[in-house]
Amino acid sequence: MFNARTVSGVLLCILGIVLVKLQNFVELKDMVLTLTYCTGIFVSFAGLAVFSSGLRKRIIQKIKICPDCFYKNEAEDKICRKCKKDLS
Protein backbone atom coordinates (compact mmCIF):
# COMPACT_ATOMS: atom_id res chain seq x y z
CA MET A 1 0.00 0.00 0.00
CA PHE A 2 2.72 2.46 0.94
CA ASN A 3 5.68 3.01 -1.33
CA ALA A 4 8.59 5.45 -1.29
CA ARG A 5 6.69 8.18 -3.13
CA THR A 6 3.67 8.17 -0.87
CA VAL A 7 5.81 8.22 2.27
CA SER A 8 8.06 10.99 0.96
CA GLY A 9 4.98 12.96 -0.14
CA VAL A 10 3.51 12.77 3.36
CA LEU A 11 6.86 13.84 4.86
CA LEU A 12 7.05 16.81 2.49
CA CYS A 13 3.51 17.84 3.45
CA ILE A 14 4.43 17.68 7.13
CA LEU A 15 7.57 19.72 6.50
CA GLY A 16 5.54 22.33 4.63
CA ILE A 17 3.03 22.58 7.46
CA VAL A 18 5.84 23.00 9.98
CA LEU A 19 7.31 25.80 7.87
CA VAL A 20 3.94 27.54 7.68
CA LYS A 21 3.38 27.23 11.44
CA LEU A 22 6.96 28.21 12.31
CA GLN A 23 5.82 31.73 13.15
CA ASN A 24 3.98 30.34 16.20
CA PHE A 25 7.15 28.90 17.69
CA VAL A 26 9.90 31.33 16.69
CA GLU A 27 9.95 35.11 16.40
CA LEU A 28 10.86 35.96 12.82
CA LYS A 29 11.33 39.21 10.91
CA ASP A 30 8.62 40.15 8.41
CA MET A 31 10.71 39.29 5.33
CA VAL A 32 11.84 35.92 6.70
CA LEU A 33 8.33 35.18 7.93
CA THR A 34 6.88 35.75 4.46
CA LEU A 35 9.61 33.66 2.86
CA THR A 36 9.11 30.70 5.21
CA TYR A 37 5.34 30.92 4.84
CA CYS A 38 5.49 30.86 1.02
CA THR A 39 8.13 28.13 1.06
CA GLY A 40 5.97 26.06 3.39
CA ILE A 41 2.98 26.33 1.09
CA PHE A 42 5.12 25.40 -1.91
CA VAL A 43 6.64 22.39 -0.11
CA SER A 44 3.18 21.22 0.99
CA PHE A 45 1.86 21.33 -2.57
CA ALA A 46 4.98 19.56 -3.81
CA GLY A 47 4.37 16.90 -1.18
CA LEU A 48 0.81 16.44 -2.40
CA ALA A 49 2.08 16.04 -5.96
CA VAL A 50 4.67 13.46 -4.90
CA PHE A 51 2.09 11.63 -2.80
CA SER A 52 -0.45 11.46 -5.62
CA SER A 53 2.18 10.26 -8.10
CA GLY A 54 2.88 7.33 -5.79
CA LEU A 55 -0.74 6.17 -5.69
CA ARG A 56 -1.63 3.18 -7.77
CA LYS A 57 -3.67 3.92 -10.81
CA ARG A 58 -6.59 1.71 -11.69
CA ILE A 59 -6.56 0.48 -15.21
CA ILE A 60 -10.00 0.33 -16.74
CA GLN A 61 -10.39 -2.60 -19.07
CA LYS A 62 -13.14 -2.80 -21.60
CA ILE A 63 -14.78 -6.17 -21.72
CA LYS A 64 -17.38 -8.04 -23.73
CA ILE A 65 -19.79 -10.37 -22.00
CA CYS A 66 -20.69 -13.50 -23.91
CA PRO A 67 -24.47 -13.61 -24.43
CA ASP A 68 -24.50 -17.43 -24.15
CA CYS A 69 -22.22 -18.29 -21.20
CA PHE A 70 -21.81 -14.79 -19.66
CA TYR A 71 -18.00 -15.13 -19.65
CA LYS A 72 -16.00 -11.89 -19.47
CA ASN A 73 -13.89 -11.52 -22.61
CA GLU A 74 -11.55 -8.73 -23.66
CA ALA A 75 -12.97 -6.02 -25.89
CA GLU A 76 -10.90 -7.10 -28.91
CA ASP A 77 -12.11 -10.69 -28.83
CA LYS A 78 -14.40 -11.82 -31.63
CA ILE A 79 -14.99 -15.31 -30.22
CA CYS A 80 -15.73 -16.23 -26.60
CA ARG A 81 -12.75 -17.75 -24.84
CA LYS A 82 -14.92 -20.18 -22.88
CA CYS A 83 -17.67 -21.42 -25.18
CA LYS A 84 -16.04 -20.46 -28.54
CA LYS A 85 -19.19 -18.78 -29.85
CA ASP A 86 -19.30 -15.56 -31.84
CA LEU A 87 -19.45 -12.37 -29.71
CA SER A 88 -20.88 -10.04 -32.35
PDB file of N, CA and C in Angstrom:
ATOM      1  N   MET A   1       0.820  -1.190   0.000  1.00  0.00           N
ATOM      2  CA  MET A   1       0.000   0.000   0.000  1.00  0.00           C
ATOM      3  C   MET A   1       0.870   1.262   0.000  1.00  0.00           C
ATOM      4  N   PHE A   2       1.842   1.302   0.888  1.00  0.00           N
ATOM      5  CA  PHE A   2       2.724   2.458   0.943  1.00  0.00           C
ATOM      6  C   PHE A   2       3.987   2.163   0.152  1.00  0.00           C
ATOM      7  N   ASN A   3       4.401   3.121  -0.642  1.00  0.00           N
ATOM      8  CA  ASN A   3       5.676   3.007  -1.329  1.00  0.00           C
ATOM      9  C   ASN A   3       6.495   4.254  -1.025  1.00  0.00           C
ATOM     10  N   ALA A   4       7.669   4.346  -1.607  1.00  0.00           N
ATOM     11  CA  ALA A   4       8.586   5.448  -1.286  1.00  0.00           C
ATOM     12  C   ALA A   4       7.989   6.811  -1.644  1.00  0.00           C
ATOM     13  N   ARG A   5       7.252   6.876  -2.724  1.00  0.00           N
ATOM     14  CA  ARG A   5       6.689   8.176  -3.129  1.00  0.00           C
ATOM     15  C   ARG A   5       5.588   8.649  -2.191  1.00  0.00           C
ATOM     16  N   THR A   6       4.734   7.740  -1.766  1.00  0.00           N
ATOM     17  CA  THR A   6       3.665   8.166  -0.874  1.00  0.00           C
ATOM     18  C   THR A   6       4.224   8.601   0.478  1.00  0.00           C
ATOM     19  N   VAL A   7       5.215   7.862   0.975  1.00  0.00           N
ATOM     20  CA  VAL A   7       5.812   8.225   2.270  1.00  0.00           C
ATOM     21  C   VAL A   7       6.558   9.548   2.165  1.00  0.00           C
ATOM     22  N   SER A   8       7.336   9.723   1.096  1.00  0.00           N
ATOM     23  CA  SER A   8       8.064  10.989   0.959  1.00  0.00           C
ATOM     24  C   SER A   8       7.105  12.153   0.715  1.00  0.00           C
ATOM     25  N   GLY A   9       5.984  11.907   0.047  1.00  0.00           N
ATOM     26  CA  GLY A   9       4.984  12.956  -0.141  1.00  0.00           C
ATOM     27  C   GLY A   9       4.373  13.397   1.175  1.00  0.00           C
ATOM     28  N   VAL A  10       4.069  12.430   2.046  1.00  0.00           N
ATOM     29  CA  VAL A  10       3.512  12.773   3.363  1.00  0.00           C
ATOM     30  C   VAL A  10       4.545  13.547   4.175  1.00  0.00           C
ATOM     31  N   LEU A  11       5.807  13.128   4.111  1.00  0.00           N
ATOM     32  CA  LEU A  11       6.855  13.836   4.859  1.00  0.00           C
ATOM     33  C   LEU A  11       7.041  15.263   4.342  1.00  0.00           C
ATOM     34  N   LEU A  12       6.950  15.449   3.040  1.00  0.00           N
ATOM     35  CA  LEU A  12       7.047  16.807   2.491  1.00  0.00           C
ATOM     36  C   LEU A  12       5.864  17.666   2.932  1.00  0.00           C
ATOM     37  N   CYS A  13       4.681  17.092   2.966  1.00  0.00           N
ATOM     38  CA  CYS A  13       3.513  17.840   3.450  1.00  0.00           C
ATOM     39  C   CYS A  13       3.692  18.263   4.901  1.00  0.00           C
ATOM     40  N   ILE A  14       4.194  17.354   5.719  1.00  0.00           N
ATOM     41  CA  ILE A  14       4.434  17.677   7.134  1.00  0.00           C
ATOM     42  C   ILE A  14       5.477  18.777   7.262  1.00  0.00           C
ATOM     43  N   LEU A  15       6.541  18.687   6.472  1.00  0.00           N
ATOM     44  CA  LEU A  15       7.574  19.720   6.500  1.00  0.00           C
ATOM     45  C   LEU A  15       7.011  21.075   6.087  1.00  0.00           C
ATOM     46  N   GLY A  16       6.163  21.078   5.066  1.00  0.00           N
ATOM     47  CA  GLY A  16       5.544  22.333   4.631  1.00  0.00           C
ATOM     48  C   GLY A  16       4.643  22.931   5.694  1.00  0.00           C
ATOM     49  N   ILE A  17       3.893  22.092   6.389  1.00  0.00           N
ATOM     50  CA  ILE A  17       3.025  22.584   7.459  1.00  0.00           C
ATOM     51  C   ILE A  17       3.853  23.151   8.604  1.00  0.00           C
ATOM     52  N   VAL A  18       4.954  22.490   8.921  1.00  0.00           N
ATOM     53  CA  VAL A  18       5.836  23.002   9.981  1.00  0.00           C
ATOM     54  C   VAL A  18       6.405  24.352   9.581  1.00  0.00           C
ATOM     55  N   LEU A  19       6.794  24.509   8.320  1.00  0.00           N
ATOM     56  CA  LEU A  19       7.314  25.805   7.873  1.00  0.00           C
ATOM     57  C   LEU A  19       6.245  26.893   7.947  1.00  0.00           C
ATOM     58  N   VAL A  20       5.016  26.555   7.608  1.00  0.00           N
ATOM     59  CA  VAL A  20       3.935  27.542   7.676  1.00  0.00           C
ATOM     60  C   VAL A  20       3.661  27.936   9.126  1.00  0.00           C
ATOM     61  N   LYS A  21       3.674  26.974  10.026  1.00  0.00           N
ATOM     62  CA  LYS A  21       3.377  27.229  11.437  1.00  0.00           C
ATOM     63  C   LYS A  21       4.596  27.658  12.251  1.00  0.00           C
ATOM     64  N   LEU A  22       5.733  27.843  11.606  1.00  0.00           N
ATOM     65  CA  LEU A  22       6.961  28.208  12.311  1.00  0.00           C
ATOM     66  C   LEU A  22       6.835  29.543  13.037  1.00  0.00           C
ATOM     67  N   GLN A  23       5.990  30.414  12.529  1.00  0.00           N
ATOM     68  CA  GLN A  23       5.815  31.730  13.154  1.00  0.00           C
ATOM     69  C   GLN A  23       5.238  31.623  14.567  1.00  0.00           C
ATOM     70  N   ASN A  24       4.539  30.525  14.864  1.00  0.00           N
ATOM     71  CA  ASN A  24       3.977  30.345  16.196  1.00  0.00           C
ATOM     72  C   ASN A  24       5.025  29.955  17.232  1.00  0.00           C
ATOM     73  N   PHE A  25       6.134  29.399  16.770  1.00  0.00           N
ATOM     74  CA  PHE A  25       7.155  28.901  17.692  1.00  0.00           C
ATOM     75  C   PHE A  25       8.368  29.803  17.797  1.00  0.00           C
ATOM     76  N   VAL A  26       8.689  30.508  16.736  1.00  0.00           N
ATOM     77  CA  VAL A  26       9.903  31.326  16.693  1.00  0.00           C
ATOM     78  C   VAL A  26       9.528  32.729  16.224  1.00  0.00           C
ATOM     79  N   GLU A  27      10.155  33.726  16.824  1.00  0.00           N
ATOM     80  CA  GLU A  27       9.947  35.110  16.398  1.00  0.00           C
ATOM     81  C   GLU A  27      10.804  35.376  15.168  1.00  0.00           C
ATOM     82  N   LEU A  28      10.153  35.731  14.065  1.00  0.00           N
ATOM     83  CA  LEU A  28      10.862  35.960  12.816  1.00  0.00           C
ATOM     84  C   LEU A  28      10.589  37.376  12.326  1.00  0.00           C
ATOM     85  N   LYS A  29      11.533  37.897  11.540  1.00  0.00           N
ATOM     86  CA  LYS A  29      11.331  39.206  10.913  1.00  0.00           C
ATOM     87  C   LYS A  29      10.300  39.056   9.803  1.00  0.00           C
ATOM     88  N   ASP A  30       9.707  40.182   9.397  1.00  0.00           N
ATOM     89  CA  ASP A  30       8.622  40.151   8.411  1.00  0.00           C
ATOM     90  C   ASP A  30       9.046  39.497   7.094  1.00  0.00           C
ATOM     91  N   MET A  31      10.237  39.832   6.607  1.00  0.00           N
ATOM     92  CA  MET A  31      10.706  39.291   5.330  1.00  0.00           C
ATOM     93  C   MET A  31      10.942  37.791   5.430  1.00  0.00           C
ATOM     94  N   VAL A  32      11.566  37.346   6.501  1.00  0.00           N
ATOM     95  CA  VAL A  32      11.842  35.923   6.696  1.00  0.00           C
ATOM     96  C   VAL A  32      10.539  35.171   6.933  1.00  0.00           C
ATOM     97  N   LEU A  33       9.619  35.791   7.658  1.00  0.00           N
ATOM     98  CA  LEU A  33       8.328  35.180   7.925  1.00  0.00           C
ATOM     99  C   LEU A  33       7.568  34.925   6.627  1.00  0.00           C
ATOM    100  N   THR A  34       7.546  35.901   5.752  1.00  0.00           N
ATOM    101  CA  THR A  34       6.879  35.754   4.464  1.00  0.00           C
ATOM    102  C   THR A  34       7.549  34.681   3.621  1.00  0.00           C
ATOM    103  N   LEU A  35       8.868  34.650   3.637  1.00  0.00           N
ATOM    104  CA  LEU A  35       9.610  33.662   2.864  1.00  0.00           C
ATOM    105  C   LEU A  35       9.350  32.245   3.369  1.00  0.00           C
ATOM    106  N   THR A  36       9.369  32.042   4.676  1.00  0.00           N
ATOM    107  CA  THR A  36       9.112  30.700   5.209  1.00  0.00           C
ATOM    108  C   THR A  36       7.656  30.283   4.987  1.00  0.00           C
ATOM    109  N   TYR A  37       6.748  31.224   5.070  1.00  0.00           N
ATOM    110  CA  TYR A  37       5.341  30.923   4.837  1.00  0.00           C
ATOM    111  C   TYR A  37       5.121  30.465   3.394  1.00  0.00           C
ATOM    112  N   CYS A  38       5.649  31.219   2.442  1.00  0.00           N
ATOM    113  CA  CYS A  38       5.490  30.865   1.024  1.00  0.00           C
ATOM    114  C   CYS A  38       6.219  29.562   0.699  1.00  0.00           C
ATOM    115  N   THR A  39       7.392  29.370   1.275  1.00  0.00           N
ATOM    116  CA  THR A  39       8.130  28.127   1.062  1.00  0.00           C
ATOM    117  C   THR A  39       7.359  26.949   1.631  1.00  0.00           C
ATOM    118  N   GLY A  40       6.761  27.126   2.791  1.00  0.00           N
ATOM    119  CA  GLY A  40       5.973  26.061   3.391  1.00  0.00           C
ATOM    120  C   GLY A  40       4.797  25.661   2.536  1.00  0.00           C
ATOM    121  N   ILE A  41       4.103  26.635   1.973  1.00  0.00           N
ATOM    122  CA  ILE A  41       2.976  26.329   1.093  1.00  0.00           C
ATOM    123  C   ILE A  41       3.459  25.594  -0.151  1.00  0.00           C
ATOM    124  N   PHE A  42       4.568  26.055  -0.726  1.00  0.00           N
ATOM    125  CA  PHE A  42       5.118  25.402  -1.909  1.00  0.00           C
ATOM    126  C   PHE A  42       5.528  23.962  -1.610  1.00  0.00           C
ATOM    127  N   VAL A  43       6.194  23.741  -0.479  1.00  0.00           N
ATOM    128  CA  VAL A  43       6.642  22.390  -0.106  1.00  0.00           C
ATOM    129  C   VAL A  43       5.437  21.484   0.156  1.00  0.00           C
ATOM    130  N   SER A  44       4.389  22.020   0.753  1.00  0.00           N
ATOM    131  CA  SER A  44       3.177  21.220   0.986  1.00  0.00           C
ATOM    132  C   SER A  44       2.533  20.790  -0.316  1.00  0.00           C
ATOM    133  N   PHE A  45       2.426  21.690  -1.273  1.00  0.00           N
ATOM    134  CA  PHE A  45       1.858  21.333  -2.568  1.00  0.00           C
ATOM    135  C   PHE A  45       2.753  20.346  -3.312  1.00  0.00           C
ATOM    136  N   ALA A  46       4.061  20.521  -3.197  1.00  0.00           N
ATOM    137  CA  ALA A  46       4.978  19.561  -3.807  1.00  0.00           C
ATOM    138  C   ALA A  46       4.811  18.188  -3.169  1.00  0.00           C
ATOM    139  N   GLY A  47       4.607  18.160  -1.863  1.00  0.00           N
ATOM    140  CA  GLY A  47       4.370  16.896  -1.178  1.00  0.00           C
ATOM    141  C   GLY A  47       3.098  16.223  -1.648  1.00  0.00           C
ATOM    142  N   LEU A  48       2.048  16.999  -1.868  1.00  0.00           N
ATOM    143  CA  LEU A  48       0.809  16.438  -2.401  1.00  0.00           C
ATOM    144  C   LEU A  48       1.011  15.854  -3.799  1.00  0.00           C
ATOM    145  N   ALA A  49       1.809  16.540  -4.610  1.00  0.00           N
ATOM    146  CA  ALA A  49       2.078  16.041  -5.956  1.00  0.00           C
ATOM    147  C   ALA A  49       2.874  14.740  -5.911  1.00  0.00           C
ATOM    148  N   VAL A  50       3.875  14.685  -5.035  1.00  0.00           N
ATOM    149  CA  VAL A  50       4.675  13.463  -4.904  1.00  0.00           C
ATOM    150  C   VAL A  50       3.812  12.338  -4.362  1.00  0.00           C
ATOM    151  N   PHE A  51       2.983  12.642  -3.373  1.00  0.00           N
ATOM    152  CA  PHE A  51       2.094  11.628  -2.797  1.00  0.00           C
ATOM    153  C   PHE A  51       1.150  11.056  -3.853  1.00  0.00           C
ATOM    154  N   SER A  52       0.524  11.938  -4.631  1.00  0.00           N
ATOM    155  CA  SER A  52      -0.447  11.464  -5.624  1.00  0.00           C
ATOM    156  C   SER A  52       0.226  10.704  -6.761  1.00  0.00           C
ATOM    157  N   SER A  53       1.497  11.012  -7.052  1.00  0.00           N
ATOM    158  CA  SER A  53       2.183  10.257  -8.101  1.00  0.00           C
ATOM    159  C   SER A  53       2.537   8.853  -7.630  1.00  0.00           C
ATOM    160  N   GLY A  54       2.572   8.649  -6.319  1.00  0.00           N
ATOM    161  CA  GLY A  54       2.878   7.332  -5.790  1.00  0.00           C
ATOM    162  C   GLY A  54       1.666   6.442  -5.636  1.00  0.00           C
ATOM    163  N   LEU A  55       0.470   6.987  -5.808  1.00  0.00           N
ATOM    164  CA  LEU A  55      -0.737   6.175  -5.685  1.00  0.00           C
ATOM    165  C   LEU A  55      -0.879   5.268  -6.897  1.00  0.00           C
ATOM    166  N   ARG A  56      -1.421   4.111  -6.666  1.00  0.00           N
ATOM    167  CA  ARG A  56      -1.632   3.178  -7.769  1.00  0.00           C
ATOM    168  C   ARG A  56      -2.799   3.655  -8.605  1.00  0.00           C
ATOM    169  N   LYS A  57      -2.615   3.525  -9.888  1.00  0.00           N
ATOM    170  CA  LYS A  57      -3.672   3.924 -10.810  1.00  0.00           C
ATOM    171  C   LYS A  57      -4.452   2.683 -11.217  1.00  0.00           C
ATOM    172  N   ARG A  58      -5.748   2.815 -11.244  1.00  0.00           N
ATOM    173  CA  ARG A  58      -6.592   1.709 -11.686  1.00  0.00           C
ATOM    174  C   ARG A  58      -6.685   1.729 -13.200  1.00  0.00           C
ATOM    175  N   ILE A  59      -6.468   0.596 -13.763  1.00  0.00           N
ATOM    176  CA  ILE A  59      -6.561   0.475 -15.211  1.00  0.00           C
ATOM    177  C   ILE A  59      -7.956  -0.047 -15.544  1.00  0.00           C
ATOM    178  N   ILE A  60      -8.649   0.712 -16.348  1.00  0.00           N
ATOM    179  CA  ILE A  60      -9.999   0.325 -16.738  1.00  0.00           C
ATOM    180  C   ILE A  60      -9.903  -0.512 -18.003  1.00  0.00           C
ATOM    181  N   GLN A  61     -10.386  -1.723 -17.910  1.00  0.00           N
ATOM    182  CA  GLN A  61     -10.387  -2.603 -19.068  1.00  0.00           C
ATOM    183  C   GLN A  61     -11.793  -2.676 -19.638  1.00  0.00           C
ATOM    184  N   LYS A  62     -11.857  -2.626 -20.939  1.00  0.00           N
ATOM    185  CA  LYS A  62     -13.139  -2.798 -21.602  1.00  0.00           C
ATOM    186  C   LYS A  62     -13.326  -4.287 -21.849  1.00  0.00           C
ATOM    187  N   ILE A  63     -14.508  -4.749 -21.561  1.00  0.00           N
ATOM    188  CA  ILE A  63     -14.783  -6.172 -21.715  1.00  0.00           C
ATOM    189  C   ILE A  63     -16.042  -6.376 -22.532  1.00  0.00           C
ATOM    190  N   LYS A  64     -16.155  -7.596 -23.062  1.00  0.00           N
ATOM    191  CA  LYS A  64     -17.378  -8.037 -23.726  1.00  0.00           C
ATOM    192  C   LYS A  64     -17.890  -9.243 -22.955  1.00  0.00           C
ATOM    193  N   ILE A  65     -19.164  -9.241 -22.674  1.00  0.00           N
ATOM    194  CA  ILE A  65     -19.793 -10.369 -21.999  1.00  0.00           C
ATOM    195  C   ILE A  65     -20.418 -11.273 -23.064  1.00  0.00           C
ATOM    196  N   CYS A  66     -20.114 -12.538 -22.977  1.00  0.00           N
ATOM    197  CA  CYS A  66     -20.687 -13.502 -23.914  1.00  0.00           C
ATOM    198  C   CYS A  66     -22.186 -13.636 -23.630  1.00  0.00           C
ATOM    199  N   PRO A  67     -23.022 -13.506 -24.652  1.00  0.00           N
ATOM    200  CA  PRO A  67     -24.472 -13.612 -24.429  1.00  0.00           C
ATOM    201  C   PRO A  67     -24.926 -15.041 -24.106  1.00  0.00           C
ATOM    202  N   ASP A  68     -24.109 -16.034 -24.404  1.00  0.00           N
ATOM    203  CA  ASP A  68     -24.496 -17.428 -24.152  1.00  0.00           C
ATOM    204  C   ASP A  68     -24.044 -17.918 -22.775  1.00  0.00           C
ATOM    205  N   CYS A  69     -22.746 -17.728 -22.463  1.00  0.00           N
ATOM    206  CA  CYS A  69     -22.222 -18.287 -21.204  1.00  0.00           C
ATOM    207  C   CYS A  69     -21.905 -17.210 -20.165  1.00  0.00           C
ATOM    208  N   PHE A  70     -22.051 -15.945 -20.536  1.00  0.00           N
ATOM    209  CA  PHE A  70     -21.807 -14.794 -19.658  1.00  0.00           C
ATOM    210  C   PHE A  70     -20.352 -14.703 -19.176  1.00  0.00           C
ATOM    211  N   TYR A  71     -19.425 -15.206 -19.971  1.00  0.00           N
ATOM    212  CA  TYR A  71     -18.002 -15.130 -19.646  1.00  0.00           C
ATOM    213  C   TYR A  71     -17.478 -13.743 -20.015  1.00  0.00           C
ATOM    214  N   LYS A  72     -16.582 -13.201 -19.207  1.00  0.00           N
ATOM    215  CA  LYS A  72     -15.997 -11.889 -19.469  1.00  0.00           C
ATOM    216  C   LYS A  72     -14.809 -12.051 -20.418  1.00  0.00           C
ATOM    217  N   ASN A  73     -14.941 -11.491 -21.605  1.00  0.00           N
ATOM    218  CA  ASN A  73     -13.888 -11.523 -22.612  1.00  0.00           C
ATOM    219  C   ASN A  73     -13.309 -10.120 -22.779  1.00  0.00           C
ATOM    220  N   GLU A  74     -12.137 -10.041 -23.367  1.00  0.00           N
ATOM    221  CA  GLU A  74     -11.548  -8.731 -23.657  1.00  0.00           C
ATOM    222  C   GLU A  74     -12.300  -8.086 -24.812  1.00  0.00           C
ATOM    223  N   ALA A  75     -12.194  -6.770 -24.908  1.00  0.00           N
ATOM    224  CA  ALA A  75     -12.974  -6.016 -25.894  1.00  0.00           C
ATOM    225  C   ALA A  75     -12.595  -6.373 -27.333  1.00  0.00           C
ATOM    226  N   GLU A  76     -11.357  -6.789 -27.555  1.00  0.00           N
ATOM    227  CA  GLU A  76     -10.902  -7.099 -28.910  1.00  0.00           C
ATOM    228  C   GLU A  76     -11.336  -8.478 -29.382  1.00  0.00           C
ATOM    229  N   ASP A  77     -11.767  -9.322 -28.473  1.00  0.00           N
ATOM    230  CA  ASP A  77     -12.112 -10.695 -28.828  1.00  0.00           C
ATOM    231  C   ASP A  77     -13.344 -10.738 -29.724  1.00  0.00           C
ATOM    232  N   LYS A  78     -13.270 -11.604 -30.730  1.00  0.00           N
ATOM    233  CA  LYS A  78     -14.405 -11.820 -31.627  1.00  0.00           C
ATOM    234  C   LYS A  78     -15.151 -13.095 -31.245  1.00  0.00           C
ATOM    235  N   ILE A  79     -14.426 -14.028 -30.603  1.00  0.00           N
ATOM    236  CA  ILE A  79     -14.989 -15.314 -30.216  1.00  0.00           C
ATOM    237  C   ILE A  79     -14.804 -15.483 -28.715  1.00  0.00           C
ATOM    238  N   CYS A  80     -15.796 -16.018 -28.049  1.00  0.00           N
ATOM    239  CA  CYS A  80     -15.730 -16.234 -26.600  1.00  0.00           C
ATOM    240  C   CYS A  80     -14.616 -17.215 -26.262  1.00  0.00           C
ATOM    241  N   ARG A  81     -13.864 -16.893 -25.246  1.00  0.00           N
ATOM    242  CA  ARG A  81     -12.752 -17.755 -24.845  1.00  0.00           C
ATOM    243  C   ARG A  81     -13.225 -19.037 -24.156  1.00  0.00           C
ATOM    244  N   LYS A  82     -14.432 -19.014 -23.613  1.00  0.00           N
ATOM    245  CA  LYS A  82     -14.921 -20.175 -22.884  1.00  0.00           C
ATOM    246  C   LYS A  82     -15.739 -21.112 -23.780  1.00  0.00           C
ATOM    247  N   CYS A  83     -16.779 -20.557 -24.405  1.00  0.00           N
ATOM    248  CA  CYS A  83     -17.670 -21.425 -25.183  1.00  0.00           C
ATOM    249  C   CYS A  83     -17.386 -21.387 -26.680  1.00  0.00           C
ATOM    250  N   LYS A  84     -16.463 -20.543 -27.133  1.00  0.00           N
ATOM    251  CA  LYS A  84     -16.038 -20.458 -28.538  1.00  0.00           C
ATOM    252  C   LYS A  84     -17.135 -20.015 -29.496  1.00  0.00           C
ATOM    253  N   LYS A  85     -18.128 -19.306 -28.991  1.00  0.00           N
ATOM    254  CA  LYS A  85     -19.193 -18.781 -29.851  1.00  0.00           C
ATOM    255  C   LYS A  85     -18.880 -17.344 -30.235  1.00  0.00           C
ATOM    256  N   ASP A  86     -19.510 -16.898 -31.324  1.00  0.00           N
ATOM    257  CA  ASP A  86     -19.301 -15.561 -31.842  1.00  0.00           C
ATOM    258  C   ASP A  86     -19.829 -14.504 -30.870  1.00  0.00           C
ATOM    259  N   LEU A  87     -19.057 -13.421 -30.650  1.00  0.00           N
ATOM    260  CA  LEU A  87     -19.455 -12.366 -29.710  1.00  0.00           C
ATOM    261  C   LEU A  87     -20.191 -11.206 -30.387  1.00  0.00           C
ATOM    262  N   SER A  88     -20.225 -11.166 -31.700  1.00  0.00           N
ATOM    263  CA  SER A  88     -20.881 -10.037 -32.354  1.00  0.00           C
ATOM    264  C   SER A  88     -22.321 -10.232 -32.619  1.00  0.00           C
TER     265      SER A  88
END
